[in-house]
Amino acid sequence: LSGVGASSVSALVSPRAALVVRGQRATFIKHAWDFYRPVGWTSNDAIVDMTVATGQYEEAMLWCQDRLSRASASPDLFARFDRVAYHNNAPYHSKRNLRLMREKTYGTLAKAQHEAAFRRFAEPGTKIAAENATTYTCPLYASLLSFACASGPGLVDRHILCMAYGSGCAASLFGLHVTSVPQHASGVLAGLASRRPVGVEDALLLVDAFEMTHGRFGFVPSREDG
């Protein structure tokens, strides 16, 4: 159901911020084709190779982890941060990402250790993804909102490690310090959970309407040589 629905983010920058960005970060940029629409592409659906796309995400994430660990007084990021928020489109993405990062730090761990770490570090940040699946361009913010909704005052004075990502690909790993509960819309999780399921036929009507809208504005891409 690519492209059906909408999401947006509004953030207020203030000297009295609830989420304070920490100074150190690591950024990875690589020219790569993993999720794209060629010039003249007639379909709304992008070309994507999930094996390649997943590999590039993980390469960027682990590279950033390595660089941020080297730049820190303590190379163990999990000793410095209480939570981890990922650019993820499903809870299992966060679970896999956390496993890869922890095994890079500690080596091979038992399944029970991974499960316990996921519940502690990442699971509260997957609440929206569990209900809504992909949010495409703003999964990290959806994860932060999930933490705020799920943890409330329990999030105050916590340090969150954030993994931001964009296909192409570019990624940054950075930290936030929570000084107060961020203001956010109430009832987000309850609203998602109370949605009424519809049949496949109704969902396909939305998909068809979106596909019919794509490309109807008469824009024809061109290329000038030289």
N, C-alpha and C. Protein backbone atom coordinates (compact mmCIF):
# COMPACT_ATOMS: atom_id res chain seq x y z
N LEU A 1 0.83 -1.18 0.00
CA LEU A 1 0.00 0.00 0.00
C LEU A 1 0.87 1.25 0.00
N SER A 2 1.86 1.26 -0.85
CA SER A 2 2.82 2.36 -0.88
C SER A 2 2.14 3.69 -1.15
N GLY A 3 2.41 4.66 -0.30
CA GLY A 3 1.93 6.01 -0.53
C GLY A 3 0.52 6.28 -0.06
N VAL A 4 -0.20 5.30 0.49
CA VAL A 4 -1.56 5.55 0.96
C VAL A 4 -1.50 6.11 2.37
N GLY A 5 -2.02 7.30 2.56
CA GLY A 5 -1.98 7.94 3.87
C GLY A 5 -1.02 9.11 3.87
N ALA A 6 -0.81 9.69 5.04
CA ALA A 6 0.06 10.86 5.14
C ALA A 6 0.66 10.92 6.53
N SER A 7 1.83 11.54 6.63
CA SER A 7 2.44 11.76 7.93
C SER A 7 3.25 13.05 7.85
N SER A 8 3.39 13.72 8.98
CA SER A 8 4.16 14.95 9.01
C SER A 8 4.72 15.15 10.41
N VAL A 9 5.72 16.02 10.51
CA VAL A 9 6.38 16.28 11.78
C VAL A 9 6.47 17.78 11.99
N SER A 10 6.16 18.22 13.21
CA SER A 10 6.35 19.63 13.57
C SER A 10 7.19 19.66 14.84
N ALA A 11 8.29 20.39 14.81
CA ALA A 11 9.19 20.46 15.96
C ALA A 11 9.48 21.92 16.29
N LEU A 12 9.46 22.25 17.56
CA LEU A 12 9.75 23.61 18.03
C LEU A 12 11.13 23.63 18.66
N VAL A 13 12.02 24.47 18.13
CA VAL A 13 13.37 24.63 18.68
C VAL A 13 13.34 25.71 19.75
N SER A 14 13.85 25.38 20.94
CA SER A 14 13.73 26.31 22.07
C SER A 14 14.90 26.12 23.03
N PRO A 15 15.30 27.18 23.73
CA PRO A 15 16.35 27.03 24.76
C PRO A 15 15.85 26.24 25.97
N ARG A 16 14.54 26.01 26.06
CA ARG A 16 13.96 25.22 27.14
C ARG A 16 13.39 23.91 26.59
N ALA A 17 14.17 23.30 25.74
CA ALA A 17 13.70 22.12 25.02
C ALA A 17 13.50 20.92 25.94
N ALA A 18 12.49 20.13 25.63
CA ALA A 18 12.28 18.88 26.35
C ALA A 18 13.26 17.81 25.90
N LEU A 19 13.68 17.89 24.63
CA LEU A 19 14.66 16.96 24.09
C LEU A 19 15.90 17.75 23.69
N VAL A 20 16.97 17.57 24.41
CA VAL A 20 18.20 18.32 24.18
C VAL A 20 19.17 17.46 23.37
N VAL A 21 19.60 17.98 22.22
CA VAL A 21 20.51 17.25 21.35
C VAL A 21 21.91 17.29 21.95
N ARG A 22 22.52 16.12 22.11
CA ARG A 22 23.89 16.05 22.63
C ARG A 22 24.87 16.39 21.51
N GLY A 23 26.07 16.83 21.90
CA GLY A 23 27.01 17.37 20.94
C GLY A 23 27.58 16.36 19.95
N GLN A 24 27.92 15.17 20.39
CA GLN A 24 28.58 14.21 19.53
C GLN A 24 27.58 13.50 18.62
N ARG A 25 28.03 13.26 17.40
CA ARG A 25 27.23 12.47 16.46
C ARG A 25 28.15 11.85 15.43
N ALA A 26 27.65 10.88 14.71
CA ALA A 26 28.38 10.27 13.60
C ALA A 26 27.45 10.23 12.40
N THR A 27 27.97 10.61 11.23
CA THR A 27 27.15 10.67 10.02
C THR A 27 27.80 9.89 8.89
N PHE A 28 26.99 9.11 8.20
CA PHE A 28 27.45 8.26 7.09
C PHE A 28 26.68 8.66 5.83
N ILE A 29 27.39 8.88 4.73
CA ILE A 29 26.75 9.21 3.45
C ILE A 29 27.38 8.37 2.35
N LYS A 30 26.55 7.78 1.51
CA LYS A 30 27.03 6.91 0.44
C LYS A 30 26.11 7.06 -0.77
N HIS A 31 26.70 7.24 -1.94
CA HIS A 31 25.90 7.29 -3.16
C HIS A 31 25.51 5.86 -3.52
N ALA A 32 24.22 5.57 -3.47
CA ALA A 32 23.77 4.20 -3.70
C ALA A 32 22.33 4.21 -4.21
N TRP A 33 22.01 3.20 -5.01
CA TRP A 33 20.65 3.04 -5.53
C TRP A 33 19.98 1.90 -4.78
N ASP A 34 19.00 2.25 -3.96
CA ASP A 34 18.31 1.19 -3.23
C ASP A 34 16.79 1.36 -3.25
N PHE A 35 16.32 2.60 -3.43
CA PHE A 35 14.88 2.87 -3.39
C PHE A 35 14.67 4.12 -4.24
N TYR A 36 14.25 3.96 -5.47
CA TYR A 36 14.27 5.10 -6.37
C TYR A 36 13.27 4.94 -7.51
N ARG A 37 13.01 6.06 -8.19
CA ARG A 37 12.17 6.08 -9.39
C ARG A 37 12.99 6.70 -10.52
N PRO A 38 13.31 5.96 -11.56
CA PRO A 38 14.10 6.53 -12.66
C PRO A 38 13.35 7.66 -13.36
N VAL A 39 14.10 8.53 -14.06
CA VAL A 39 13.49 9.59 -14.85
C VAL A 39 12.54 8.97 -15.87
N GLY A 40 11.29 9.48 -15.91
CA GLY A 40 10.31 8.93 -16.83
C GLY A 40 9.54 7.73 -16.30
N TRP A 41 9.81 7.37 -15.06
CA TRP A 41 9.13 6.21 -14.46
C TRP A 41 7.63 6.47 -14.37
N THR A 42 6.82 5.56 -14.87
CA THR A 42 5.38 5.82 -15.00
C THR A 42 4.55 5.31 -13.82
N SER A 43 5.16 4.58 -12.92
CA SER A 43 4.41 4.03 -11.79
C SER A 43 4.75 4.76 -10.51
N ASN A 44 3.79 4.83 -9.61
CA ASN A 44 4.05 5.40 -8.29
C ASN A 44 4.97 4.51 -7.47
N ASP A 45 4.97 3.21 -7.74
CA ASP A 45 5.78 2.27 -6.98
C ASP A 45 7.25 2.41 -7.34
N ALA A 46 8.08 2.60 -6.33
CA ALA A 46 9.51 2.74 -6.55
C ALA A 46 10.15 1.39 -6.83
N ILE A 47 11.31 1.44 -7.44
CA ILE A 47 12.13 0.24 -7.60
C ILE A 47 12.91 0.05 -6.31
N VAL A 48 12.83 -1.12 -5.73
CA VAL A 48 13.53 -1.38 -4.48
C VAL A 48 14.00 -2.82 -4.44
N ASP A 49 15.24 -3.01 -4.06
CA ASP A 49 15.81 -4.33 -3.79
C ASP A 49 15.99 -4.41 -2.29
N MET A 50 15.12 -5.15 -1.61
CA MET A 50 15.12 -5.14 -0.16
C MET A 50 16.41 -5.68 0.43
N THR A 51 17.04 -6.65 -0.24
CA THR A 51 18.31 -7.17 0.27
C THR A 51 19.37 -6.08 0.25
N VAL A 52 19.44 -5.35 -0.87
CA VAL A 52 20.40 -4.26 -0.99
C VAL A 52 20.06 -3.14 -0.01
N ALA A 53 18.77 -2.77 0.06
CA ALA A 53 18.35 -1.68 0.93
C ALA A 53 18.64 -2.00 2.40
N THR A 54 18.35 -3.22 2.81
CA THR A 54 18.61 -3.63 4.19
C THR A 54 20.10 -3.62 4.49
N GLY A 55 20.89 -4.13 3.54
CA GLY A 55 22.33 -4.15 3.73
C GLY A 55 22.92 -2.76 3.87
N GLN A 56 22.40 -1.81 3.09
CA GLN A 56 22.91 -0.44 3.16
C GLN A 56 22.53 0.24 4.47
N TYR A 57 21.32 -0.01 4.92
CA TYR A 57 20.89 0.53 6.22
C TYR A 57 21.81 0.02 7.32
N GLU A 58 22.04 -1.28 7.33
CA GLU A 58 22.85 -1.87 8.39
C GLU A 58 24.31 -1.44 8.30
N GLU A 59 24.82 -1.29 7.08
CA GLU A 59 26.18 -0.78 6.91
C GLU A 59 26.30 0.62 7.50
N ALA A 60 25.34 1.48 7.19
CA ALA A 60 25.36 2.85 7.71
C ALA A 60 25.24 2.87 9.23
N MET A 61 24.34 2.06 9.76
CA MET A 61 24.11 2.03 11.21
C MET A 61 25.36 1.58 11.96
N LEU A 62 25.97 0.49 11.51
CA LEU A 62 27.13 -0.05 12.21
C LEU A 62 28.36 0.84 12.04
N TRP A 63 28.47 1.50 10.90
CA TRP A 63 29.57 2.46 10.71
C TRP A 63 29.42 3.61 11.69
N CYS A 64 28.21 4.13 11.81
CA CYS A 64 27.97 5.23 12.74
C CYS A 64 28.21 4.79 14.18
N GLN A 65 27.80 3.59 14.51
CA GLN A 65 28.05 3.08 15.86
C GLN A 65 29.55 3.03 16.15
N ASP A 66 30.31 2.53 15.19
CA ASP A 66 31.75 2.42 15.37
C ASP A 66 32.38 3.80 15.58
N ARG A 67 32.00 4.77 14.74
CA ARG A 67 32.60 6.11 14.83
C ARG A 67 32.18 6.83 16.11
N LEU A 68 30.92 6.71 16.49
CA LEU A 68 30.46 7.39 17.71
C LEU A 68 31.10 6.75 18.94
N SER A 69 31.28 5.44 18.91
CA SER A 69 31.94 4.75 20.03
C SER A 69 33.38 5.21 20.17
N ARG A 70 34.07 5.36 19.04
CA ARG A 70 35.47 5.80 19.08
C ARG A 70 35.60 7.22 19.61
N ALA A 71 34.62 8.05 19.29
CA ALA A 71 34.68 9.46 19.69
C ALA A 71 34.26 9.68 21.14
N SER A 72 33.74 8.65 21.78
CA SER A 72 33.19 8.78 23.13
C SER A 72 34.21 8.33 24.17
N ALA A 73 34.08 8.86 25.36
CA ALA A 73 34.94 8.45 26.46
C ALA A 73 34.71 6.98 26.79
N SER A 74 33.46 6.53 26.67
CA SER A 74 33.12 5.13 26.89
C SER A 74 32.65 4.52 25.57
N PRO A 75 33.36 3.52 25.05
CA PRO A 75 32.98 2.94 23.76
C PRO A 75 31.67 2.15 23.79
N ASP A 76 31.19 1.80 24.99
CA ASP A 76 29.94 1.04 25.12
C ASP A 76 28.76 2.02 25.14
N LEU A 77 28.12 2.20 23.99
CA LEU A 77 27.01 3.14 23.91
C LEU A 77 25.83 2.72 24.78
N PHE A 78 25.68 1.42 25.01
CA PHE A 78 24.55 0.95 25.80
C PHE A 78 24.74 1.21 27.29
N ALA A 79 25.95 1.57 27.67
CA ALA A 79 26.19 1.99 29.05
C ALA A 79 25.91 3.49 29.22
N ARG A 80 25.86 4.21 28.10
CA ARG A 80 25.65 5.66 28.14
C ARG A 80 24.21 6.05 27.85
N PHE A 81 23.48 5.20 27.15
CA PHE A 81 22.12 5.54 26.74
C PHE A 81 21.12 4.57 27.35
N ASP A 82 19.94 5.11 27.69
CA ASP A 82 18.90 4.31 28.34
C ASP A 82 17.90 3.73 27.33
N ARG A 83 17.76 4.38 26.17
CA ARG A 83 16.81 3.96 25.15
C ARG A 83 17.46 4.12 23.78
N VAL A 84 16.93 3.40 22.80
CA VAL A 84 17.40 3.53 21.42
C VAL A 84 16.18 3.70 20.51
N ALA A 85 16.17 4.77 19.73
CA ALA A 85 15.08 5.03 18.78
C ALA A 85 15.62 4.88 17.37
N TYR A 86 14.97 4.02 16.59
CA TYR A 86 15.44 3.73 15.24
C TYR A 86 14.50 4.29 14.17
N HIS A 87 15.06 4.54 13.01
CA HIS A 87 14.27 4.69 11.79
C HIS A 87 13.82 3.28 11.44
N ASN A 88 12.59 2.94 11.76
CA ASN A 88 12.11 1.58 11.53
C ASN A 88 10.66 1.61 11.08
N ASN A 89 10.28 0.58 10.34
CA ASN A 89 8.90 0.49 9.85
C ASN A 89 8.12 -0.67 10.45
N ALA A 90 8.72 -1.37 11.38
CA ALA A 90 8.05 -2.47 12.08
C ALA A 90 8.87 -2.81 13.31
N PRO A 91 8.25 -3.35 14.36
CA PRO A 91 9.01 -3.68 15.57
C PRO A 91 10.19 -4.62 15.31
N TYR A 92 10.02 -5.56 14.37
CA TYR A 92 11.12 -6.51 14.15
C TYR A 92 12.34 -5.82 13.54
N HIS A 93 12.15 -4.68 12.85
CA HIS A 93 13.30 -3.92 12.36
C HIS A 93 14.13 -3.42 13.53
N SER A 94 13.46 -2.84 14.53
CA SER A 94 14.17 -2.35 15.71
C SER A 94 14.84 -3.49 16.45
N LYS A 95 14.16 -4.61 16.53
CA LYS A 95 14.72 -5.76 17.24
C LYS A 95 16.00 -6.25 16.55
N ARG A 96 15.96 -6.32 15.23
CA ARG A 96 17.14 -6.77 14.48
C ARG A 96 18.27 -5.74 14.60
N ASN A 97 17.94 -4.46 14.46
CA ASN A 97 18.96 -3.42 14.55
C ASN A 97 19.64 -3.44 15.92
N LEU A 98 18.84 -3.57 16.97
CA LEU A 98 19.40 -3.60 18.32
C LEU A 98 20.30 -4.83 18.50
N ARG A 99 19.87 -5.97 17.97
CA ARG A 99 20.69 -7.19 18.08
C ARG A 99 22.04 -6.99 17.40
N LEU A 100 22.03 -6.41 16.19
CA LEU A 100 23.28 -6.20 15.47
C LEU A 100 24.22 -5.26 16.23
N MET A 101 23.66 -4.19 16.78
CA MET A 101 24.49 -3.23 17.50
C MET A 101 25.05 -3.82 18.79
N ARG A 102 24.24 -4.60 19.49
CA ARG A 102 24.71 -5.18 20.75
C ARG A 102 25.73 -6.28 20.50
N GLU A 103 25.54 -7.05 19.43
CA GLU A 103 26.54 -8.09 19.14
C GLU A 103 27.85 -7.48 18.65
N LYS A 104 27.78 -6.32 18.03
CA LYS A 104 29.01 -5.62 17.66
C LYS A 104 29.77 -5.18 18.91
N THR A 105 29.01 -4.88 19.98
CA THR A 105 29.62 -4.43 21.23
C THR A 105 30.06 -5.59 22.10
N TYR A 106 29.19 -6.60 22.25
CA TYR A 106 29.42 -7.65 23.24
C TYR A 106 29.73 -9.02 22.65
N GLY A 107 29.61 -9.18 21.32
CA GLY A 107 29.77 -10.50 20.73
C GLY A 107 28.45 -11.26 20.75
N THR A 108 28.49 -12.54 20.47
CA THR A 108 27.29 -13.37 20.40
C THR A 108 26.58 -13.43 21.76
N LEU A 109 25.27 -13.18 21.74
CA LEU A 109 24.46 -13.21 22.96
C LEU A 109 23.31 -14.19 22.81
N ALA A 110 22.82 -14.69 23.93
CA ALA A 110 21.69 -15.62 23.91
C ALA A 110 20.41 -14.90 23.52
N LYS A 111 19.44 -15.66 22.99
CA LYS A 111 18.16 -15.08 22.58
C LYS A 111 17.48 -14.37 23.73
N ALA A 112 17.52 -14.98 24.92
CA ALA A 112 16.88 -14.37 26.09
C ALA A 112 17.49 -13.01 26.41
N GLN A 113 18.80 -12.88 26.21
CA GLN A 113 19.46 -11.60 26.45
C GLN A 113 19.00 -10.55 25.44
N HIS A 114 18.83 -10.97 24.20
CA HIS A 114 18.35 -10.05 23.18
C HIS A 114 16.92 -9.59 23.48
N GLU A 115 16.08 -10.53 23.87
CA GLU A 115 14.69 -10.19 24.18
C GLU A 115 14.60 -9.21 25.34
N ALA A 116 15.40 -9.45 26.38
CA ALA A 116 15.40 -8.55 27.54
C ALA A 116 15.90 -7.16 27.15
N ALA A 117 16.93 -7.11 26.31
CA ALA A 117 17.47 -5.82 25.87
C ALA A 117 16.47 -5.07 25.01
N PHE A 118 15.74 -5.79 24.16
CA PHE A 118 14.74 -5.15 23.32
C PHE A 118 13.64 -4.52 24.17
N ARG A 119 13.17 -5.24 25.18
CA ARG A 119 12.13 -4.69 26.06
C ARG A 119 12.63 -3.45 26.80
N ARG A 120 13.88 -3.45 27.18
CA ARG A 120 14.42 -2.32 27.94
C ARG A 120 14.73 -1.12 27.05
N PHE A 121 15.42 -1.34 25.95
CA PHE A 121 15.95 -0.23 25.16
C PHE A 121 15.02 0.27 24.06
N ALA A 122 14.30 -0.63 23.40
CA ALA A 122 13.65 -0.23 22.15
C ALA A 122 12.16 -0.47 22.06
N GLU A 123 11.63 -1.45 22.75
CA GLU A 123 10.23 -1.84 22.55
C GLU A 123 9.22 -0.72 22.74
N PRO A 124 9.36 0.14 23.77
CA PRO A 124 8.38 1.24 23.90
C PRO A 124 8.38 2.19 22.71
N GLY A 125 9.48 2.24 21.97
CA GLY A 125 9.55 3.12 20.81
C GLY A 125 8.98 2.52 19.54
N THR A 126 8.41 1.32 19.62
CA THR A 126 7.84 0.67 18.44
C THR A 126 6.32 0.62 18.48
N LYS A 127 5.70 1.31 19.43
CA LYS A 127 4.25 1.22 19.60
C LYS A 127 3.49 1.68 18.35
N ILE A 128 3.91 2.80 17.76
CA ILE A 128 3.22 3.28 16.57
C ILE A 128 3.48 2.35 15.39
N ALA A 129 4.72 1.91 15.23
CA ALA A 129 5.04 0.99 14.14
C ALA A 129 4.24 -0.30 14.24
N ALA A 130 3.99 -0.77 15.46
CA ALA A 130 3.22 -2.00 15.64
C ALA A 130 1.79 -1.85 15.16
N GLU A 131 1.25 -0.63 15.25
CA GLU A 131 -0.13 -0.38 14.83
C GLU A 131 -0.24 0.09 13.39
N ASN A 132 0.77 0.83 12.93
CA ASN A 132 0.65 1.55 11.67
C ASN A 132 1.61 1.08 10.59
N ALA A 133 2.59 0.25 10.97
CA ALA A 133 3.65 -0.17 10.05
C ALA A 133 4.42 1.06 9.56
N THR A 134 4.68 1.15 8.28
CA THR A 134 5.57 2.19 7.78
C THR A 134 5.01 3.60 7.93
N THR A 135 5.90 4.53 8.29
CA THR A 135 5.58 5.95 8.22
C THR A 135 6.53 6.64 7.24
N TYR A 136 7.24 5.84 6.48
CA TYR A 136 8.13 6.30 5.40
C TYR A 136 9.16 7.32 5.85
N THR A 137 8.92 8.61 5.73
CA THR A 137 9.98 9.59 5.93
C THR A 137 10.18 10.00 7.38
N CYS A 138 9.31 9.62 8.28
CA CYS A 138 9.48 10.10 9.66
C CYS A 138 9.45 8.98 10.72
N PRO A 139 10.01 7.80 10.45
CA PRO A 139 9.96 6.74 11.45
C PRO A 139 10.68 7.06 12.75
N LEU A 140 11.79 7.80 12.68
CA LEU A 140 12.50 8.13 13.92
C LEU A 140 11.61 8.99 14.81
N TYR A 141 10.91 9.95 14.22
CA TYR A 141 10.02 10.81 15.02
C TYR A 141 8.83 10.01 15.55
N ALA A 142 8.36 9.06 14.76
CA ALA A 142 7.29 8.18 15.25
C ALA A 142 7.78 7.36 16.43
N SER A 143 9.04 6.96 16.40
CA SER A 143 9.61 6.21 17.51
C SER A 143 9.73 7.09 18.76
N LEU A 144 10.17 8.33 18.59
CA LEU A 144 10.26 9.24 19.73
C LEU A 144 8.88 9.53 20.32
N LEU A 145 7.89 9.70 19.44
CA LEU A 145 6.52 9.92 19.91
C LEU A 145 6.01 8.69 20.65
N SER A 146 6.37 7.50 20.17
CA SER A 146 5.98 6.27 20.85
C SER A 146 6.56 6.22 22.26
N PHE A 147 7.83 6.59 22.39
CA PHE A 147 8.45 6.63 23.72
C PHE A 147 7.70 7.59 24.63
N ALA A 148 7.36 8.77 24.12
CA ALA A 148 6.66 9.76 24.93
C ALA A 148 5.29 9.24 25.37
N CYS A 149 4.57 8.61 24.43
CA CYS A 149 3.23 8.09 24.75
C CYS A 149 3.29 6.91 25.72
N ALA A 150 4.26 6.03 25.52
CA ALA A 150 4.33 4.80 26.31
C ALA A 150 4.95 5.01 27.68
N SER A 151 5.92 5.92 27.77
CA SER A 151 6.68 6.07 29.01
C SER A 151 6.27 7.26 29.85
N GLY A 152 5.78 8.33 29.22
CA GLY A 152 5.35 9.51 29.96
C GLY A 152 6.45 10.05 30.85
N PRO A 153 6.14 10.37 32.12
CA PRO A 153 7.15 10.93 33.04
C PRO A 153 8.36 10.01 33.24
N GLY A 154 8.19 8.72 32.98
CA GLY A 154 9.30 7.79 33.13
C GLY A 154 10.42 8.03 32.14
N LEU A 155 10.17 8.87 31.14
CA LEU A 155 11.18 9.18 30.14
C LEU A 155 12.11 10.32 30.58
N VAL A 156 11.68 11.08 31.59
CA VAL A 156 12.45 12.26 32.02
C VAL A 156 13.82 11.85 32.56
N ASP A 157 14.82 12.60 32.17
CA ASP A 157 16.23 12.40 32.54
C ASP A 157 16.84 11.16 31.89
N ARG A 158 16.16 10.60 30.91
CA ARG A 158 16.73 9.48 30.15
C ARG A 158 17.53 10.02 28.97
N HIS A 159 18.45 9.20 28.50
CA HIS A 159 19.25 9.54 27.34
C HIS A 159 18.89 8.56 26.22
N ILE A 160 18.52 9.11 25.06
CA ILE A 160 18.04 8.30 23.94
C ILE A 160 19.06 8.36 22.80
N LEU A 161 19.49 7.20 22.33
CA LEU A 161 20.35 7.11 21.16
C LEU A 161 19.46 7.03 19.93
N CYS A 162 19.65 7.93 18.97
CA CYS A 162 18.75 8.04 17.82
C CYS A 162 19.48 7.67 16.53
N MET A 163 18.84 6.82 15.73
CA MET A 163 19.36 6.43 14.43
C MET A 163 18.45 7.00 13.34
N ALA A 164 18.93 8.06 12.66
CA ALA A 164 18.17 8.67 11.58
C ALA A 164 18.72 8.16 10.25
N TYR A 165 17.82 7.97 9.27
CA TYR A 165 18.26 7.35 8.01
C TYR A 165 17.42 7.85 6.84
N GLY A 166 18.07 7.91 5.67
CA GLY A 166 17.37 8.21 4.43
C GLY A 166 17.96 7.40 3.31
N SER A 167 17.12 6.84 2.45
CA SER A 167 17.61 6.04 1.34
C SER A 167 18.50 6.88 0.45
N GLY A 168 19.49 6.21 -0.11
CA GLY A 168 20.36 6.92 -1.04
C GLY A 168 21.85 6.69 -0.92
N CYS A 169 22.53 6.58 0.27
CA CYS A 169 21.87 6.62 1.57
C CYS A 169 22.63 7.57 2.50
N ALA A 170 21.94 8.06 3.53
CA ALA A 170 22.54 8.94 4.52
C ALA A 170 22.00 8.56 5.89
N ALA A 171 22.87 8.63 6.90
CA ALA A 171 22.44 8.25 8.25
C ALA A 171 23.22 9.07 9.27
N SER A 172 22.58 9.32 10.42
CA SER A 172 23.25 9.96 11.55
C SER A 172 22.85 9.24 12.83
N LEU A 173 23.82 9.06 13.70
CA LEU A 173 23.59 8.48 15.02
C LEU A 173 23.94 9.57 16.03
N PHE A 174 22.98 9.93 16.88
CA PHE A 174 23.18 11.02 17.82
C PHE A 174 22.36 10.78 19.07
N GLY A 175 22.61 11.59 20.09
CA GLY A 175 21.93 11.39 21.36
C GLY A 175 21.01 12.53 21.74
N LEU A 176 19.97 12.21 22.50
CA LEU A 176 19.06 13.20 23.08
C LEU A 176 19.00 12.99 24.59
N HIS A 177 18.92 14.11 25.32
CA HIS A 177 18.68 14.04 26.75
C HIS A 177 17.27 14.58 27.01
N VAL A 178 16.44 13.80 27.68
CA VAL A 178 15.06 14.19 27.94
C VAL A 178 15.01 14.98 29.25
N THR A 179 14.71 16.26 29.17
CA THR A 179 14.65 17.11 30.36
C THR A 179 13.23 17.22 30.93
N SER A 180 12.24 16.97 30.09
CA SER A 180 10.84 16.97 30.52
C SER A 180 10.03 16.19 29.49
N VAL A 181 8.82 15.84 29.84
CA VAL A 181 7.99 15.09 28.89
C VAL A 181 7.66 15.98 27.69
N PRO A 182 8.01 15.59 26.48
CA PRO A 182 7.70 16.42 25.31
C PRO A 182 6.20 16.59 25.14
N GLN A 183 5.76 17.80 24.78
CA GLN A 183 4.36 18.01 24.49
C GLN A 183 4.00 17.24 23.22
N HIS A 184 2.92 16.51 23.27
CA HIS A 184 2.52 15.71 22.11
C HIS A 184 1.02 15.49 22.15
N ALA A 185 0.48 15.11 21.02
CA ALA A 185 -0.96 14.84 20.93
C ALA A 185 -1.31 13.67 21.84
N SER A 186 -2.36 13.84 22.63
CA SER A 186 -2.79 12.76 23.52
C SER A 186 -3.64 11.76 22.76
N GLY A 187 -3.64 10.55 23.23
CA GLY A 187 -4.50 9.52 22.65
C GLY A 187 -4.03 8.96 21.33
N VAL A 188 -2.77 9.16 20.98
CA VAL A 188 -2.27 8.65 19.69
C VAL A 188 -2.38 7.14 19.62
N LEU A 189 -1.87 6.46 20.62
CA LEU A 189 -1.87 5.00 20.60
C LEU A 189 -3.30 4.44 20.70
N ALA A 190 -4.12 5.06 21.53
CA ALA A 190 -5.51 4.61 21.65
C ALA A 190 -6.26 4.82 20.34
N GLY A 191 -5.99 5.94 19.68
CA GLY A 191 -6.64 6.21 18.40
C GLY A 191 -6.26 5.19 17.34
N LEU A 192 -4.98 4.84 17.28
CA LEU A 192 -4.54 3.84 16.31
C LEU A 192 -5.16 2.47 16.62
N ALA A 193 -5.21 2.14 17.91
CA ALA A 193 -5.74 0.83 18.29
C ALA A 193 -7.24 0.72 18.07
N SER A 194 -7.95 1.85 18.02
CA SER A 194 -9.41 1.82 17.89
C SER A 194 -9.89 1.88 16.44
N ARG A 195 -8.97 1.89 15.49
CA ARG A 195 -9.38 1.95 14.09
C ARG A 195 -10.20 0.73 13.69
N ARG A 196 -11.12 0.94 12.76
CA ARG A 196 -11.99 -0.16 12.31
C ARG A 196 -11.37 -0.83 11.08
N PRO A 197 -11.11 -2.12 11.16
CA PRO A 197 -10.54 -2.82 10.00
C PRO A 197 -11.52 -2.80 8.83
N VAL A 198 -11.00 -2.69 7.61
CA VAL A 198 -11.81 -2.74 6.41
C VAL A 198 -11.32 -3.89 5.54
N GLY A 199 -12.15 -4.31 4.60
CA GLY A 199 -11.79 -5.41 3.73
C GLY A 199 -10.76 -5.01 2.68
N VAL A 200 -10.18 -6.01 2.06
CA VAL A 200 -9.17 -5.77 1.02
C VAL A 200 -9.76 -4.95 -0.12
N GLU A 201 -11.02 -5.21 -0.47
CA GLU A 201 -11.64 -4.49 -1.58
C GLU A 201 -11.68 -2.99 -1.32
N ASP A 202 -12.02 -2.60 -0.09
CA ASP A 202 -12.06 -1.17 0.25
C ASP A 202 -10.66 -0.56 0.23
N ALA A 203 -9.68 -1.31 0.71
CA ALA A 203 -8.31 -0.80 0.71
C ALA A 203 -7.80 -0.62 -0.72
N LEU A 204 -8.16 -1.53 -1.60
CA LEU A 204 -7.70 -1.44 -2.98
C LEU A 204 -8.30 -0.25 -3.71
N LEU A 205 -9.50 0.18 -3.30
CA LEU A 205 -10.07 1.39 -3.89
C LEU A 205 -9.17 2.60 -3.64
N LEU A 206 -8.60 2.68 -2.42
CA LEU A 206 -7.68 3.76 -2.11
C LEU A 206 -6.40 3.64 -2.93
N VAL A 207 -5.91 2.44 -3.06
CA VAL A 207 -4.69 2.22 -3.84
C VAL A 207 -4.91 2.62 -5.29
N ASP A 208 -6.04 2.20 -5.85
CA ASP A 208 -6.34 2.53 -7.25
C ASP A 208 -6.48 4.04 -7.44
N ALA A 209 -7.13 4.72 -6.48
CA ALA A 209 -7.30 6.17 -6.58
C ALA A 209 -5.95 6.87 -6.54
N PHE A 210 -5.04 6.37 -5.70
CA PHE A 210 -3.72 6.97 -5.62
C PHE A 210 -2.94 6.74 -6.91
N GLU A 211 -3.04 5.55 -7.46
CA GLU A 211 -2.33 5.25 -8.71
C GLU A 211 -2.86 6.09 -9.86
N MET A 212 -4.18 6.34 -9.89
CA MET A 212 -4.76 7.15 -10.96
C MET A 212 -4.33 8.61 -10.85
N THR A 213 -4.09 9.05 -9.61
CA THR A 213 -3.66 10.43 -9.41
C THR A 213 -2.21 10.64 -9.84
N HIS A 214 -1.40 9.63 -9.62
CA HIS A 214 0.03 9.74 -9.94
C HIS A 214 0.24 10.01 -11.43
N GLY A 215 0.95 11.05 -11.74
CA GLY A 215 1.32 11.34 -13.12
C GLY A 215 0.24 11.98 -13.96
N ARG A 216 -0.84 12.45 -13.37
CA ARG A 216 -1.94 12.99 -14.17
C ARG A 216 -1.79 14.49 -14.45
N PHE A 217 -0.72 15.10 -13.93
CA PHE A 217 -0.59 16.55 -14.05
C PHE A 217 0.14 16.99 -15.31
N GLY A 218 0.45 16.08 -16.19
CA GLY A 218 1.03 16.45 -17.46
C GLY A 218 2.51 16.75 -17.43
N PHE A 219 3.18 16.43 -16.34
CA PHE A 219 4.62 16.68 -16.27
C PHE A 219 5.36 15.59 -17.03
N VAL A 220 6.21 15.98 -17.93
CA VAL A 220 7.03 15.03 -18.69
C VAL A 220 8.49 15.37 -18.45
N PRO A 221 9.24 14.49 -17.75
CA PRO A 221 10.65 14.79 -17.48
C PRO A 221 11.46 14.83 -18.77
N SER A 222 12.45 15.68 -18.80
CA SER A 222 13.32 15.79 -19.99
C SER A 222 14.76 15.86 -19.58
N ARG A 223 15.64 15.61 -20.51
CA ARG A 223 17.06 15.65 -20.23
C ARG A 223 17.75 16.44 -21.34
N GLU A 224 18.54 17.38 -20.91
CA GLU A 224 19.29 18.17 -21.88
C GLU A 224 20.76 17.72 -21.88
N ASP A 225 21.22 17.26 -23.03
CA ASP A 225 22.59 16.81 -23.14
C ASP A 225 23.53 18.01 -23.16
N GLY A 226 24.76 17.77 -22.73
CA GLY A 226 25.74 18.85 -22.73
C GLY A 226 25.75 19.57 -21.44
